[in-house]
C-alpha atoms as a PDB file:
ATOM      1  CA  MET A   1       0.000   0.000   0.000  1.00  0.00           C
ATOM      2  CA  ARG A   2       1.302   3.459  -0.927  1.00  0.00           C
ATOM      3  CA  ILE A   3       0.539   7.044   0.018  1.00  0.00           C
ATOM      4  CA  ARG A   4      -1.271   8.935  -2.757  1.00  0.00           C
ATOM      5  CA  SER A   5       1.055  10.579  -5.255  1.00  0.00           C
ATOM      6  CA  ASP A   6      -0.805  13.901  -5.146  1.00  0.00           C
ATOM      7  CA  LEU A   7      -0.344  14.390  -1.391  1.00  0.00           C
ATOM      8  CA  VAL A   8       1.192  17.764  -0.584  1.00  0.00           C
ATOM      9  CA  GLY A   9       3.358  17.694   2.542  1.00  0.00           C
ATOM     10  CA  VAL A  10       3.976  14.734   4.839  1.00  0.00           C
ATOM     11  CA  VAL A  11       2.044  12.561   7.270  1.00  0.00           C
ATOM     12  CA  HIS A  12       3.390  11.780  10.762  1.00  0.00           C
ATOM     13  CA  ILE A  13       2.085   8.484  12.133  1.00  0.00           C
ATOM     14  CA  GLY A  14       3.562   6.965  15.283  1.00  0.00           C
ATOM     15  CA  GLY A  15       7.038   8.352  14.663  1.00  0.00           C
ATOM     16  CA  VAL A  16       6.969   7.441  10.969  1.00  0.00           C
ATOM     17  CA  VAL A  17       7.055  10.254   8.394  1.00  0.00           C
ATOM     18  CA  LEU A  18       5.442   9.416   5.048  1.00  0.00           C
ATOM     19  CA  ALA A  19       5.378  11.540   1.899  1.00  0.00           C
ATOM     20  CA  ALA A  20       3.645  11.146  -1.459  1.00  0.00           C
ATOM     21  CA  GLY A  21       4.409   7.796  -3.065  1.00  0.00           C
ATOM     22  CA  ASP A  22       5.973   6.261   0.062  1.00  0.00           C
ATOM     23  CA  THR A  23       5.177   2.679   0.956  1.00  0.00           C
ATOM     24  CA  VAL A  24       3.221   2.344   4.192  1.00  0.00           C
ATOM     25  CA  PRO A  25       5.162   0.040   6.533  1.00  0.00           C
ATOM     26  CA  ASP A  26       3.528  -3.077   7.997  1.00  0.00           C
ATOM     27  CA  GLY A  27       1.668  -2.353  11.207  1.00  0.00           C
ATOM     28  CA  VAL A  28       1.049   1.325  10.348  1.00  0.00           C
ATOM     29  CA  THR A  29      -2.596   2.230   9.835  1.00  0.00           C
ATOM     30  CA  VAL A  30      -3.535   5.183   7.634  1.00  0.00           C
ATOM     31  CA  GLY A  31      -6.902   6.478   6.505  1.00  0.00           C
ATOM     32  CA  ASP A  32      -8.291   5.539   3.116  1.00  0.00           C
ATOM     33  CA  HIS A  33      -8.121   9.207   2.083  1.00  0.00           C
ATOM     34  CA  LEU A  34      -4.298   8.956   2.160  1.00  0.00           C
ATOM     35  CA  VAL A  35      -3.947   5.695   0.261  1.00  0.00           C
ATOM     36  CA  ALA A  36      -3.423   5.503  -3.489  1.00  0.00           C
ATOM     37  CA  GLU A  37      -6.147   3.721  -5.408  1.00  0.00           C
ATOM     38  CA  LYS A  38      -5.194   0.686  -7.422  1.00  0.00           C
ATOM     39  CA  VAL A  39      -5.424   1.445 -11.121  1.00  0.00           C
ATOM     40  CA  LYS A  40      -7.054  -1.266 -13.199  1.00  0.00           C
ATOM     41  CA  GLU A  41      -6.977   0.502 -16.550  1.00  0.00           C
ATOM     42  CA  ALA A  42      -4.862  -2.200 -18.142  1.00  0.00           C
ATOM     43  CA  ASP A  43      -7.400  -4.840 -17.141  1.00  0.00           C
ATOM     44  CA  SER A  44     -10.530  -2.930 -18.109  1.00  0.00           C
ATOM     45  CA  GLY A  45      -9.191  -1.143 -21.167  1.00  0.00           C
ATOM     46  CA  SER A  46     -10.511   2.118 -19.747  1.00  0.00           C
ATOM     47  CA  THR A  47      -8.771   5.397 -20.483  1.00  0.00           C
ATOM     48  CA  GLY A  48     -10.039   6.918 -17.254  1.00  0.00           C
ATOM     49  CA  ARG A  49     -12.173   9.419 -19.125  1.00  0.00           C
ATOM     50  CA  THR A  50     -15.917   9.478 -18.932  1.00  0.00           C
ATOM     51  CA  ARG A  51     -17.862   9.562 -22.140  1.00  0.00           C
ATOM     52  CA  ARG A  52     -20.547  12.109 -22.665  1.00  0.00           C
ATOM     53  CA  ARG A  53     -23.441  11.493 -24.915  1.00  0.00           C
ATOM     54  CA  GLY A  54     -23.598  14.113 -27.610  1.00  0.00           C
ATOM     55  CA  SER A  55     -26.817  16.005 -27.988  1.00  0.00           C
ATOM     56  CA  THR A  56     -28.843  15.434 -31.097  1.00  0.00           C
ATOM     57  CA  SER A  57     -28.883  18.370 -33.431  1.00  0.00           C
ATOM     58  CA  ARG A  58     -32.219  20.024 -33.996  1.00  0.00           C
ATOM     59  CA  ALA A  59     -33.283  21.887 -37.023  1.00  0.00           C
ATOM     60  CA  THR A  60     -33.694  25.554 -36.280  1.00  0.00           C
ATOM     61  CA  SER A  61     -36.145  27.771 -38.005  1.00  0.00           C
ATOM     62  CA  ASP A  62     -35.998  31.517 -38.566  1.00  0.00           C
ATOM     63  CA  ASP A  63     -39.737  31.698 -39.366  1.00  0.00           C
END
């Protein structure tokens, strides 16, 4: 488990100082908000972008 890469600053936990990208040592508990999410893009084929459905074009009238 690693600390999120976008963390600004450091985290002090029980005498251990962790910065962005550091591996959390065994026995140290950190909140989920500090932990990097596992990326499964290679498995799912996702690009990480959401798709938006385009609106249908409507004929406009100047009548």
